[in-house]
Amino acid sequence: MNEILVSHAYGADDPGLPSPPAVTDVRHMLREQRRNDLANAEPRLGPTVPAVVRPWKLWLLTVCAIYPTIVLLGLATNPVLEDLYLPVRLAVLVPAAAAAMVWQINPRLQRRFGARLTR
């Protein structure tokens, strides 16, 4: 019955129109196309849910990074800022240390130790 409807819809009775494809041929063609699409698809790179970072490991990594940063900035700016009061010196050092941590140090540390933060 379906073949009659398909052939009538394609106009198989009219000699000037192409003959209808068989239903099994269409299914076979779709299966092959799906297989080719799956074979050529890019693999997924990883889980879509991010892994949970252990807070104590992140704290430890931050402490190990911020201490040398503050010490080096303090030593580098000491000749210029030594006559200023401690709160004023810290007002200069803390923003500089935070900028270094956010844009330079943390991205490098997370690339290097990122997998260990979640174990």
PDB file of N, CA and C in Angstrom:
ATOM      1  N   MET A   1       0.822  -1.193   0.000  1.00  0.00           N
ATOM      2  CA  MET A   1       0.000   0.000   0.000  1.00  0.00           C
ATOM      3  C   MET A   1       0.870   1.264   0.000  1.00  0.00           C
ATOM      4  N   ASN A   2       1.939   1.265   0.859  1.00  0.00           N
ATOM      5  CA  ASN A   2       2.822   2.423   0.932  1.00  0.00           C
ATOM      6  C   ASN A   2       3.537   2.671  -0.380  1.00  0.00           C
ATOM      7  N   GLU A   3       3.935   1.584  -1.064  1.00  0.00           N
ATOM      8  CA  GLU A   3       4.619   1.740  -2.339  1.00  0.00           C
ATOM      9  C   GLU A   3       3.712   2.388  -3.374  1.00  0.00           C
ATOM     10  N   ILE A   4       2.432   2.082  -3.301  1.00  0.00           N
ATOM     11  CA  ILE A   4       1.484   2.686  -4.245  1.00  0.00           C
ATOM     12  C   ILE A   4       1.367   4.179  -3.965  1.00  0.00           C
ATOM     13  N   LEU A   5       1.291   4.557  -2.659  1.00  0.00           N
ATOM     14  CA  LEU A   5       1.198   5.971  -2.311  1.00  0.00           C
ATOM     15  C   LEU A   5       2.465   6.722  -2.705  1.00  0.00           C
ATOM     16  N   VAL A   6       3.611   6.089  -2.461  1.00  0.00           N
ATOM     17  CA  VAL A   6       4.870   6.733  -2.808  1.00  0.00           C
ATOM     18  C   VAL A   6       4.987   6.903  -4.312  1.00  0.00           C
ATOM     19  N   SER A   7       4.664   5.859  -5.046  1.00  0.00           N
ATOM     20  CA  SER A   7       4.782   5.955  -6.497  1.00  0.00           C
ATOM     21  C   SER A   7       3.776   6.954  -7.057  1.00  0.00           C
ATOM     22  N   HIS A   8       2.599   7.028  -6.467  1.00  0.00           N
ATOM     23  CA  HIS A   8       1.608   7.998  -6.934  1.00  0.00           C
ATOM     24  C   HIS A   8       2.064   9.428  -6.591  1.00  0.00           C
ATOM     25  N   ALA A   9       2.682   9.602  -5.399  1.00  0.00           N
ATOM     26  CA  ALA A   9       3.149  10.927  -5.002  1.00  0.00           C
ATOM     27  C   ALA A   9       4.289  11.391  -5.898  1.00  0.00           C
ATOM     28  N   TYR A  10       5.124  10.471  -6.346  1.00  0.00           N
ATOM     29  CA  TYR A  10       6.227  10.824  -7.234  1.00  0.00           C
ATOM     30  C   TYR A  10       5.778  10.931  -8.682  1.00  0.00           C
ATOM     31  N   GLY A  11       4.591  10.503  -8.945  1.00  0.00           N
ATOM     32  CA  GLY A  11       4.097  10.566 -10.314  1.00  0.00           C
ATOM     33  C   GLY A  11       4.706   9.490 -11.187  1.00  0.00           C
ATOM     34  N   ALA A  12       4.818   8.274 -10.650  1.00  0.00           N
ATOM     35  CA  ALA A  12       5.444   7.194 -11.398  1.00  0.00           C
ATOM     36  C   ALA A  12       4.620   6.815 -12.626  1.00  0.00           C
ATOM     37  N   ASP A  13       3.366   7.177 -12.620  1.00  0.00           N
ATOM     38  CA  ASP A  13       2.544   6.862 -13.786  1.00  0.00           C
ATOM     39  C   ASP A  13       2.938   7.738 -14.962  1.00  0.00           C
ATOM     40  N   ASP A  14       3.519   8.908 -14.691  1.00  0.00           N
ATOM     41  CA  ASP A  14       3.922   9.822 -15.753  1.00  0.00           C
ATOM     42  C   ASP A  14       5.326   9.436 -16.213  1.00  0.00           C
ATOM     43  N   PRO A  15       5.522   9.132 -17.494  1.00  0.00           N
ATOM     44  CA  PRO A  15       6.829   8.687 -17.969  1.00  0.00           C
ATOM     45  C   PRO A  15       7.898   9.778 -17.930  1.00  0.00           C
ATOM     46  N   GLY A  16       7.537  11.048 -17.825  1.00  0.00           N
ATOM     47  CA  GLY A  16       8.525  12.126 -17.827  1.00  0.00           C
ATOM     48  C   GLY A  16       9.149  12.380 -16.464  1.00  0.00           C
ATOM     49  N   LEU A  17       8.587  11.805 -15.389  1.00  0.00           N
ATOM     50  CA  LEU A  17       9.104  12.027 -14.039  1.00  0.00           C
ATOM     51  C   LEU A  17       9.970  10.848 -13.597  1.00  0.00           C
ATOM     52  N   PRO A  18      10.916  11.099 -12.718  1.00  0.00           N
ATOM     53  CA  PRO A  18      11.769   9.992 -12.256  1.00  0.00           C
ATOM     54  C   PRO A  18      10.979   9.014 -11.416  1.00  0.00           C
ATOM     55  N   SER A  19      11.437   7.783 -11.389  1.00  0.00           N
ATOM     56  CA  SER A  19      10.740   6.762 -10.598  1.00  0.00           C
ATOM     57  C   SER A  19      11.069   6.968  -9.124  1.00  0.00           C
ATOM     58  N   PRO A  20      10.160   6.577  -8.228  1.00  0.00           N
ATOM     59  CA  PRO A  20      10.367   6.798  -6.800  1.00  0.00           C
ATOM     60  C   PRO A  20      11.452   5.871  -6.255  1.00  0.00           C
ATOM     61  N   PRO A  21      12.208   6.327  -5.275  1.00  0.00           N
ATOM     62  CA  PRO A  21      13.196   5.440  -4.665  1.00  0.00           C
ATOM     63  C   PRO A  21      12.498   4.424  -3.779  1.00  0.00           C
ATOM     64  N   ALA A  22      13.067   3.274  -3.666  1.00  0.00           N
ATOM     65  CA  ALA A  22      12.495   2.264  -2.789  1.00  0.00           C
ATOM     66  C   ALA A  22      12.700   2.700  -1.350  1.00  0.00           C
ATOM     67  N   VAL A  23      11.783   2.339  -0.488  1.00  0.00           N
ATOM     68  CA  VAL A  23      11.842   2.740   0.908  1.00  0.00           C
ATOM     69  C   VAL A  23      13.099   2.181   1.568  1.00  0.00           C
ATOM     70  N   THR A  24      13.467   0.963   1.269  1.00  0.00           N
ATOM     71  CA  THR A  24      14.667   0.366   1.854  1.00  0.00           C
ATOM     72  C   THR A  24      15.924   1.095   1.382  1.00  0.00           C
ATOM     73  N   ASP A  25      15.931   1.591   0.149  1.00  0.00           N
ATOM     74  CA  ASP A  25      17.081   2.340  -0.341  1.00  0.00           C
ATOM     75  C   ASP A  25      17.259   3.653   0.434  1.00  0.00           C
ATOM     76  N   VAL A  26      16.166   4.308   0.745  1.00  0.00           N
ATOM     77  CA  VAL A  26      16.210   5.561   1.494  1.00  0.00           C
ATOM     78  C   VAL A  26      16.732   5.291   2.906  1.00  0.00           C
ATOM     79  N   ARG A  27      16.213   4.237   3.545  1.00  0.00           N
ATOM     80  CA  ARG A  27      16.680   3.893   4.891  1.00  0.00           C
ATOM     81  C   ARG A  27      18.169   3.566   4.877  1.00  0.00           C
ATOM     82  N   HIS A  28      18.588   2.817   3.890  1.00  0.00           N
ATOM     83  CA  HIS A  28      20.001   2.453   3.777  1.00  0.00           C
ATOM     84  C   HIS A  28      20.860   3.706   3.572  1.00  0.00           C
ATOM     85  N   MET A  29      20.403   4.603   2.743  1.00  0.00           N
ATOM     86  CA  MET A  29      21.135   5.841   2.487  1.00  0.00           C
ATOM     87  C   MET A  29      21.242   6.684   3.762  1.00  0.00           C
ATOM     88  N   LEU A  30      20.160   6.770   4.542  1.00  0.00           N
ATOM     89  CA  LEU A  30      20.188   7.541   5.786  1.00  0.00           C
ATOM     90  C   LEU A  30      21.117   6.906   6.812  1.00  0.00           C
ATOM     91  N   ARG A  31      21.111   5.575   6.901  1.00  0.00           N
ATOM     92  CA  ARG A  31      22.026   4.900   7.823  1.00  0.00           C
ATOM     93  C   ARG A  31      23.484   5.166   7.451  1.00  0.00           C
ATOM     94  N   GLU A  32      23.791   5.082   6.172  1.00  0.00           N
ATOM     95  CA  GLU A  32      25.163   5.336   5.713  1.00  0.00           C
ATOM     96  C   GLU A  32      25.573   6.781   6.000  1.00  0.00           C
ATOM     97  N   GLN A  33      24.653   7.696   5.779  1.00  0.00           N
ATOM     98  CA  GLN A  33      24.948   9.101   6.038  1.00  0.00           C
ATOM     99  C   GLN A  33      25.197   9.325   7.535  1.00  0.00           C
ATOM    100  N   ARG A  34      24.410   8.691   8.394  1.00  0.00           N
ATOM    101  CA  ARG A  34      24.581   8.817   9.839  1.00  0.00           C
ATOM    102  C   ARG A  34      25.930   8.230  10.260  1.00  0.00           C
ATOM    103  N   ARG A  35      26.302   7.074   9.704  1.00  0.00           N
ATOM    104  CA  ARG A  35      27.600   6.469  10.022  1.00  0.00           C
ATOM    105  C   ARG A  35      28.750   7.384   9.599  1.00  0.00           C
ATOM    106  N   ASN A  36      28.634   7.969   8.424  1.00  0.00           N
ATOM    107  CA  ASN A  36      29.679   8.877   7.956  1.00  0.00           C
ATOM    108  C   ASN A  36      29.772  10.120   8.840  1.00  0.00           C
ATOM    109  N   ASP A  37      28.615  10.641   9.245  1.00  0.00           N
ATOM    110  CA  ASP A  37      28.614  11.819  10.116  1.00  0.00           C
ATOM    111  C   ASP A  37      29.261  11.500  11.461  1.00  0.00           C
ATOM    112  N   LEU A  38      28.960  10.318  12.023  1.00  0.00           N
ATOM    113  CA  LEU A  38      29.551   9.941  13.304  1.00  0.00           C
ATOM    114  C   LEU A  38      31.047   9.685  13.169  1.00  0.00           C
ATOM    115  N   ALA A  39      31.460   9.118  12.056  1.00  0.00           N
ATOM    116  CA  ALA A  39      32.880   8.845  11.856  1.00  0.00           C
ATOM    117  C   ALA A  39      33.672  10.136  11.671  1.00  0.00           C
ATOM    118  N   ASN A  40      33.079  11.145  11.078  1.00  0.00           N
ATOM    119  CA  ASN A  40      33.769  12.405  10.813  1.00  0.00           C
ATOM    120  C   ASN A  40      33.592  13.436  11.918  1.00  0.00           C
ATOM    121  N   ALA A  41      32.787  13.103  12.928  1.00  0.00           N
ATOM    122  CA  ALA A  41      32.530  14.053  14.007  1.00  0.00           C
ATOM    123  C   ALA A  41      33.776  14.210  14.869  1.00  0.00           C
ATOM    124  N   GLU A  42      33.957  15.404  15.419  1.00  0.00           N
ATOM    125  CA  GLU A  42      35.094  15.663  16.302  1.00  0.00           C
ATOM    126  C   GLU A  42      34.800  15.029  17.654  1.00  0.00           C
ATOM    127  N   PRO A  43      35.802  14.413  18.260  1.00  0.00           N
ATOM    128  CA  PRO A  43      35.574  13.799  19.564  1.00  0.00           C
ATOM    129  C   PRO A  43      35.387  14.856  20.636  1.00  0.00           C
ATOM    130  N   ARG A  44      34.640  14.520  21.661  1.00  0.00           N
ATOM    131  CA  ARG A  44      34.447  15.436  22.779  1.00  0.00           C
ATOM    132  C   ARG A  44      35.732  15.482  23.585  1.00  0.00           C
ATOM    133  N   LEU A  45      36.108  16.644  24.012  1.00  0.00           N
ATOM    134  CA  LEU A  45      37.385  16.824  24.668  1.00  0.00           C
ATOM    135  C   LEU A  45      37.383  16.433  26.138  1.00  0.00           C
ATOM    136  N   GLY A  46      36.263  16.395  26.764  1.00  0.00           N
ATOM    137  CA  GLY A  46      36.246  16.038  28.173  1.00  0.00           C
ATOM    138  C   GLY A  46      34.856  16.176  28.744  1.00  0.00           C
ATOM    139  N   PRO A  47      34.750  16.013  30.038  1.00  0.00           N
ATOM    140  CA  PRO A  47      33.434  16.136  30.658  1.00  0.00           C
ATOM    141  C   PRO A  47      32.928  17.570  30.584  1.00  0.00           C
ATOM    142  N   THR A  48      31.626  17.704  30.492  1.00  0.00           N
ATOM    143  CA  THR A  48      31.048  19.040  30.410  1.00  0.00           C
ATOM    144  C   THR A  48      30.900  19.666  31.782  1.00  0.00           C
ATOM    145  N   VAL A  49      30.905  18.850  32.831  1.00  0.00           N
ATOM    146  CA  VAL A  49      30.794  19.364  34.191  1.00  0.00           C
ATOM    147  C   VAL A  49      32.209  19.567  34.729  1.00  0.00           C
ATOM    148  N   PRO A  50      32.542  20.782  35.183  1.00  0.00           N
ATOM    149  CA  PRO A  50      33.904  21.000  35.677  1.00  0.00           C
ATOM    150  C   PRO A  50      34.142  20.236  36.975  1.00  0.00           C
ATOM    151  N   ALA A  51      35.380  19.816  37.153  1.00  0.00           N
ATOM    152  CA  ALA A  51      35.747  19.102  38.366  1.00  0.00           C
ATOM    153  C   ALA A  51      35.795  20.082  39.545  1.00  0.00           C
ATOM    154  N   VAL A  52      35.553  19.579  40.731  1.00  0.00           N
ATOM    155  CA  VAL A  52      35.533  20.414  41.926  1.00  0.00           C
ATOM    156  C   VAL A  52      36.963  20.638  42.404  1.00  0.00           C
ATOM    157  N   VAL A  53      37.311  21.902  42.592  1.00  0.00           N
ATOM    158  CA  VAL A  53      38.640  22.265  43.076  1.00  0.00           C
ATOM    159  C   VAL A  53      38.630  22.160  44.599  1.00  0.00           C
ATOM    160  N   ARG A  54      39.643  21.506  45.139  1.00  0.00           N
ATOM    161  CA  ARG A  54      39.766  21.382  46.590  1.00  0.00           C
ATOM    162  C   ARG A  54      40.204  22.728  47.161  1.00  0.00           C
ATOM    163  N   PRO A  55      39.400  23.313  48.068  1.00  0.00           N
ATOM    164  CA  PRO A  55      39.723  24.652  48.581  1.00  0.00           C
ATOM    165  C   PRO A  55      41.071  24.720  49.293  1.00  0.00           C
ATOM    166  N   TRP A  56      41.439  23.716  50.049  1.00  0.00           N
ATOM    167  CA  TRP A  56      42.704  23.776  50.779  1.00  0.00           C
ATOM    168  C   TRP A  56      43.903  23.743  49.835  1.00  0.00           C
ATOM    169  N   LYS A  57      43.756  23.043  48.706  1.00  0.00           N
ATOM    170  CA  LYS A  57      44.849  23.004  47.738  1.00  0.00           C
ATOM    171  C   LYS A  57      44.985  24.349  47.031  1.00  0.00           C
ATOM    172  N   LEU A  58      43.857  24.969  46.738  1.00  0.00           N
ATOM    173  CA  LEU A  58      43.893  26.291  46.115  1.00  0.00           C
ATOM    174  C   LEU A  58      44.486  27.315  47.073  1.00  0.00           C
ATOM    175  N   TRP A  59      44.131  27.229  48.354  1.00  0.00           N
ATOM    176  CA  TRP A  59      44.690  28.118  49.368  1.00  0.00           C
ATOM    177  C   TRP A  59      46.201  27.948  49.456  1.00  0.00           C
ATOM    178  N   LEU A  60      46.653  26.702  49.514  1.00  0.00           N
ATOM    179  CA  LEU A  60      48.081  26.424  49.622  1.00  0.00           C
ATOM    180  C   LEU A  60      48.840  26.941  48.401  1.00  0.00           C
ATOM    181  N   LEU A  61      48.282  26.738  47.223  1.00  0.00           N
ATOM    182  CA  LEU A  61      48.921  27.224  45.998  1.00  0.00           C
ATOM    183  C   LEU A  61      48.991  28.752  45.987  1.00  0.00           C
ATOM    184  N   THR A  62      47.930  29.397  46.454  1.00  0.00           N
ATOM    185  CA  THR A  62      47.899  30.859  46.501  1.00  0.00           C
ATOM    186  C   THR A  62      48.917  31.398  47.498  1.00  0.00           C
ATOM    187  N   VAL A  63      49.001  30.778  48.673  1.00  0.00           N
ATOM    188  CA  VAL A  63      49.969  31.225  49.683  1.00  0.00           C
ATOM    189  C   VAL A  63      51.392  31.065  49.159  1.00  0.00           C
ATOM    190  N   CYS A  64      51.657  29.931  48.515  1.00  0.00           N
ATOM    191  CA  CYS A  64      52.997  29.686  47.972  1.00  0.00           C
ATOM    192  C   CYS A  64      53.339  30.651  46.841  1.00  0.00           C
ATOM    193  N   ALA A  65      52.346  31.224  46.208  1.00  0.00           N
ATOM    194  CA  ALA A  65      52.602  32.175  45.123  1.00  0.00           C
ATOM    195  C   ALA A  65      52.633  33.615  45.615  1.00  0.00           C
ATOM    196  N   ILE A  66      51.780  33.956  46.578  1.00  0.00           N
ATOM    197  CA  ILE A  66      51.681  35.357  46.990  1.00  0.00           C
ATOM    198  C   ILE A  66      52.847  35.769  47.891  1.00  0.00           C
ATOM    199  N   TYR A  67      53.365  34.857  48.701  1.00  0.00           N
ATOM    200  CA  TYR A  67      54.466  35.223  49.593  1.00  0.00           C
ATOM    201  C   TYR A  67      55.699  35.703  48.822  1.00  0.00           C
ATOM    202  N   PRO A  68      56.213  34.921  47.869  1.00  0.00           N
ATOM    203  CA  PRO A  68      57.380  35.432  47.136  1.00  0.00           C
ATOM    204  C   PRO A  68      57.076  36.687  46.325  1.00  0.00           C
ATOM    205  N   THR A  69      55.844  36.805  45.850  1.00  0.00           N
ATOM    206  CA  THR A  69      55.476  37.996  45.079  1.00  0.00           C
ATOM    207  C   THR A  69      55.561  39.248  45.943  1.00  0.00           C
ATOM    208  N   ILE A  70      55.006  39.168  47.150  1.00  0.00           N
ATOM    209  CA  ILE A  70      55.036  40.333  48.040  1.00  0.00           C
ATOM    210  C   ILE A  70      56.465  40.632  48.491  1.00  0.00           C
ATOM    211  N   VAL A  71      57.228  39.603  48.798  1.00  0.00           N
ATOM    212  CA  VAL A  71      58.614  39.820  49.234  1.00  0.00           C
ATOM    213  C   VAL A  71      59.430  40.481  48.124  1.00  0.00           C
ATOM    214  N   LEU A  72      59.304  39.960  46.896  1.00  0.00           N
ATOM    215  CA  LEU A  72      60.072  40.539  45.785  1.00  0.00           C
ATOM    216  C   LEU A  72      59.630  41.968  45.475  1.00  0.00           C
ATOM    217  N   LEU A  73      58.325  42.218  45.502  1.00  0.00           N
ATOM    218  CA  LEU A  73      57.862  43.595  45.278  1.00  0.00           C
ATOM    219  C   LEU A  73      58.315  44.524  46.404  1.00  0.00           C
ATOM    220  N   GLY A  74      58.307  44.027  47.632  1.00  0.00           N
ATOM    221  CA  GLY A  74      58.777  44.844  48.760  1.00  0.00           C
ATOM    222  C   GLY A  74      60.243  45.182  48.636  1.00  0.00           C
ATOM    223  N   LEU A  75      61.044  44.189  48.241  1.00  0.00           N
ATOM    224  CA  LEU A  75      62.472  44.452  48.066  1.00  0.00           C
ATOM    225  C   LEU A  75      62.747  45.391  46.895  1.00  0.00           C
ATOM    226  N   ALA A  76      61.964  45.242  45.819  1.00  0.00           N
ATOM    227  CA  ALA A  76      62.177  46.077  44.635  1.00  0.00           C
ATOM    228  C   ALA A  76      61.759  47.523  44.874  1.00  0.00           C
ATOM    229  N   THR A  77      60.715  47.722  45.672  1.00  0.00           N
ATOM    230  CA  THR A  77      60.223  49.090  45.886  1.00  0.00           C
ATOM    231  C   THR A  77      60.723  49.706  47.183  1.00  0.00           C
ATOM    232  N   ASN A  78      61.470  48.981  47.982  1.00  0.00           N
ATOM    233  CA  ASN A  78      61.932  49.488  49.272  1.00  0.00           C
ATOM    234  C   ASN A  78      62.762  50.769  49.148  1.00  0.00           C
ATOM    235  N   PRO A  79      63.697  50.863  48.197  1.00  0.00           N
ATOM    236  CA  PRO A  79      64.465  52.126  48.110  1.00  0.00           C
ATOM    237  C   PRO A  79      63.585  53.342  47.823  1.00  0.00           C
ATOM    238  N   VAL A  80      62.511  53.148  47.107  1.00  0.00           N
ATOM    239  CA  VAL A  80      61.647  54.280  46.752  1.00  0.00           C
ATOM    240  C   VAL A  80      60.628  54.571  47.844  1.00  0.00           C
ATOM    241  N   LEU A  81      60.094  53.505  48.470  1.00  0.00           N
ATOM    242  CA  LEU A  81      58.991  53.672  49.418  1.00  0.00           C
ATOM    243  C   LEU A  81      59.396  53.590  50.885  1.00  0.00           C
ATOM    244  N   GLU A  82      60.678  53.508  51.200  1.00  0.00           N
ATOM    245  CA  GLU A  82      61.087  53.275  52.587  1.00  0.00           C
ATOM    246  C   GLU A  82      60.739  54.431  53.522  1.00  0.00           C
ATOM    247  N   ASP A  83      60.603  55.624  53.025  1.00  0.00           N
ATOM    248  CA  ASP A  83      60.282  56.769  53.878  1.00  0.00           C
ATOM    249  C   ASP A  83      58.787  56.889  54.165  1.00  0.00           C
ATOM    250  N   LEU A  84      57.957  56.096  53.478  1.00  0.00           N
ATOM    251  CA  LEU A  84      56.501  56.175  53.664  1.00  0.00           C
ATOM    252  C   LEU A  84      56.056  55.287  54.815  1.00  0.00           C
ATOM    253  N   TYR A  85      54.907  55.613  55.380  1.00  0.00           N
ATOM    254  CA  TYR A  85      54.333  54.795  56.435  1.00  0.00           C
ATOM    255  C   TYR A  85      53.902  53.444  55.859  1.00  0.00           C
ATOM    256  N   LEU A  86      53.841  52.463  56.738  1.00  0.00           N
ATOM    257  CA  LEU A  86      53.504  51.112  56.323  1.00  0.00           C
ATOM    258  C   LEU A  86      52.154  51.036  55.577  1.00  0.00           C
ATOM    259  N   PRO A  87      51.079  51.676  56.051  1.00  0.00           N
ATOM    260  CA  PRO A  87      49.812  51.602  55.301  1.00  0.00           C
ATOM    261  C   PRO A  87      49.924  52.159  53.879  1.00  0.00           C
ATOM    262  N   VAL A  88      50.721  53.176  53.685  1.00  0.00           N
ATOM    263  CA  VAL A  88      50.892  53.747  52.353  1.00  0.00           C
ATOM    264  C   VAL A  88      51.702  52.797  51.474  1.00  0.00           C
ATOM    265  N   ARG A  89      52.752  52.202  52.055  1.00  0.00           N
ATOM    266  CA  ARG A  89      53.533  51.212  51.296  1.00  0.00           C
ATOM    267  C   ARG A  89      52.659  50.035  50.876  1.00  0.00           C
ATOM    268  N   LEU A  90      51.834  49.569  51.801  1.00  0.00           N
ATOM    269  CA  LEU A  90      50.935  48.452  51.473  1.00  0.00           C
ATOM    270  C   LEU A  90      49.888  48.857  50.433  1.00  0.00           C
ATOM    271  N   ALA A  91      49.478  50.126  50.461  1.00  0.00           N
ATOM    272  CA  ALA A  91      48.520  50.597  49.460  1.00  0.00           C
ATOM    273  C   ALA A  91      49.117  50.548  48.052  1.00  0.00           C
ATOM    274  N   VAL A  92      50.437  50.599  47.956  1.00  0.00           N
ATOM    275  CA  VAL A  92      51.107  50.470  46.665  1.00  0.00           C
ATOM    276  C   VAL A  92      51.377  48.996  46.343  1.00  0.00           C
ATOM    277  N   LEU A  93      51.844  48.236  47.328  1.00  0.00           N
ATOM    278  CA  LEU A  93      52.239  46.849  47.103  1.00  0.00           C
ATOM    279  C   LEU A  93      51.061  45.909  46.832  1.00  0.00           C
ATOM    280  N   VAL A  94      49.987  46.071  47.580  1.00  0.00           N
ATOM    281  CA  VAL A  94      48.865  45.125  47.452  1.00  0.00           C
ATOM    282  C   VAL A  94      48.226  45.168  46.065  1.00  0.00           C
ATOM    283  N   PRO A  95      47.907  46.331  45.494  1.00  0.00           N
ATOM    284  CA  PRO A  95      47.357  46.309  44.128  1.00  0.00           C
ATOM    285  C   PRO A  95      48.334  45.755  43.093  1.00  0.00           C
ATOM    286  N   ALA A  96      49.618  46.044  43.269  1.00  0.00           N
ATOM    287  CA  ALA A  96      50.607  45.510  42.326  1.00  0.00           C
ATOM    288  C   ALA A  96      50.709  43.995  42.459  1.00  0.00           C
ATOM    289  N   ALA A  97      50.703  43.485  43.688  1.00  0.00           N
ATOM    290  CA  ALA A  97      50.761  42.036  43.903  1.00  0.00           C
ATOM    291  C   ALA A  97      49.494  41.356  43.396  1.00  0.00           C
ATOM    292  N   ALA A  98      48.336  41.967  43.615  1.00  0.00           N
ATOM    293  CA  ALA A  98      47.077  41.382  43.131  1.00  0.00           C
ATOM    294  C   ALA A  98      47.045  41.341  41.610  1.00  0.00           C
ATOM    295  N   ALA A  99      47.515  42.396  40.971  1.00  0.00           N
ATOM    296  CA  ALA A  99      47.554  42.404  39.500  1.00  0.00           C
ATOM    297  C   ALA A  99      48.496  41.327  38.976  1.00  0.00           C
ATOM    298  N   ALA A 100      49.647  41.186  39.608  1.00  0.00           N
ATOM    299  CA  ALA A 100      50.587  40.141  39.183  1.00  0.00           C
ATOM    300  C   ALA A 100      49.980  38.756  39.374  1.00  0.00           C
ATOM    301  N   MET A 101      49.273  38.556  40.489  1.00  0.00           N
ATOM    302  CA  MET A 101      48.656  37.250  40.748  1.00  0.00           C
ATOM    303  C   MET A 101      47.556  36.949  39.737  1.00  0.00           C
ATOM    304  N   VAL A 102      46.706  37.914  39.459  1.00  0.00           N
ATOM    305  CA  VAL A 102      45.550  37.660  38.593  1.00  0.00           C
ATOM    306  C   VAL A 102      45.961  37.448  37.144  1.00  0.00           C
ATOM    307  N   TRP A 103      46.854  38.282  36.637  1.00  0.00           N
ATOM    308  CA  TRP A 103      47.136  38.242  35.205  1.00  0.00           C
ATOM    309  C   TRP A 103      48.395  37.478  34.814  1.00  0.00           C
ATOM    310  N   GLN A 104      49.282  37.211  35.748  1.00  0.00           N
ATOM    311  CA  GLN A 104      50.525  36.531  35.394  1.00  0.00           C
ATOM    312  C   GLN A 104      50.716  35.207  36.123  1.00  0.00           C
ATOM    313  N   ILE A 105      50.647  35.230  37.423  1.00  0.00           N
ATOM    314  CA  ILE A 105      51.055  34.074  38.217  1.00  0.00           C
ATOM    315  C   ILE A 105      49.977  32.991  38.258  1.00  0.00           C
ATOM    316  N   ASN A 106      48.743  33.353  38.596  1.00  0.00           N
ATOM    317  CA  ASN A 106      47.673  32.346  38.705  1.00  0.00           C
ATOM    318  C   ASN A 106      47.417  31.584  37.413  1.00  0.00           C
ATOM    319  N   PRO A 107      47.323  32.218  36.252  1.00  0.00           N
ATOM    320  CA  PRO A 107      47.102  31.425  35.034  1.00  0.00           C
ATOM    321  C   PRO A 107      48.202  30.401  34.789  1.00  0.00           C
ATOM    322  N   ARG A 108      49.434  30.771  35.057  1.00  0.00           N
ATOM    323  CA  ARG A 108      50.540  29.822  34.865  1.00  0.00           C
ATOM    324  C   ARG A 108      50.491  28.692  35.881  1.00  0.00           C
ATOM    325  N   LEU A 109      50.179  29.015  37.124  1.00  0.00           N
ATOM    326  CA  LEU A 109      50.081  27.977  38.148  1.00  0.00           C
ATOM    327  C   LEU A 109      48.921  27.028  37.876  1.00  0.00           C
ATOM    328  N   GLN A 110      47.800  27.563  37.416  1.00  0.00           N
ATOM    329  CA  GLN A 110      46.655  26.695  37.143  1.00  0.00           C
ATOM    330  C   GLN A 110      46.895  25.807  35.936  1.00  0.00           C
ATOM    331  N   ARG A 111      47.640  26.293  34.951  1.00  0.00           N
ATOM    332  CA  ARG A 111      47.998  25.417  33.835  1.00  0.00           C
ATOM    333  C   ARG A 111      48.908  24.291  34.300  1.00  0.00           C
ATOM    334  N   ARG A 112      49.820  24.625  35.188  1.00  0.00           N
ATOM    335  CA  ARG A 112      50.783  23.617  35.641  1.00  0.00           C
ATOM    336  C   ARG A 112      50.200  22.670  36.680  1.00  0.00           C
ATOM    337  N   PHE A 113      49.437  23.190  37.649  1.00  0.00           N
ATOM    338  CA  PHE A 113      48.950  22.382  38.755  1.00  0.00           C
ATOM    339  C   PHE A 113      47.442  22.173  38.743  1.00  0.00           C
ATOM    340  N   GLY A 114      46.754  22.572  37.679  1.00  0.00           N
ATOM    341  CA  GLY A 114      45.288  22.500  37.643  1.00  0.00           C
ATOM    342  C   GLY A 114      44.729  21.104  37.868  1.00  0.00           C
ATOM    343  N   ALA A 115      45.355  20.099  37.286  1.00  0.00           N
ATOM    344  CA  ALA A 115      44.850  18.735  37.449  1.00  0.00           C
ATOM    345  C   ALA A 115      45.019  18.256  38.890  1.00  0.00           C
ATOM    346  N   ARG A 116      46.045  18.726  39.566  1.00  0.00           N
ATOM    347  CA  ARG A 116      46.273  18.305  40.957  1.00  0.00           C
ATOM    348  C   ARG A 116      45.313  18.967  41.929  1.00  0.00           C
ATOM    349  N   LEU A 117      44.748  20.113  41.556  1.00  0.00           N
ATOM    350  CA  LEU A 117      43.822  20.801  42.447  1.00  0.00           C
ATOM    351  C   LEU A 117      42.512  20.049  42.615  1.00  0.00           C
ATOM    352  N   THR A 118      42.188  19.186  41.684  1.00  0.00           N
ATOM    353  CA  THR A 118      40.903  18.477  41.744  1.00  0.00           C
ATOM    354  C   THR A 118      41.024  17.054  42.255  1.00  0.00           C
ATOM    355  N   ARG A 119      42.215  16.582  42.508  1.00  0.00           N
ATOM    356  CA  ARG A 119      42.379  15.204  43.012  1.00  0.00           C
ATOM    357  C   ARG A 119      42.221  15.120  44.484  1.00  0.00           C
TER     358      ARG A 119
END
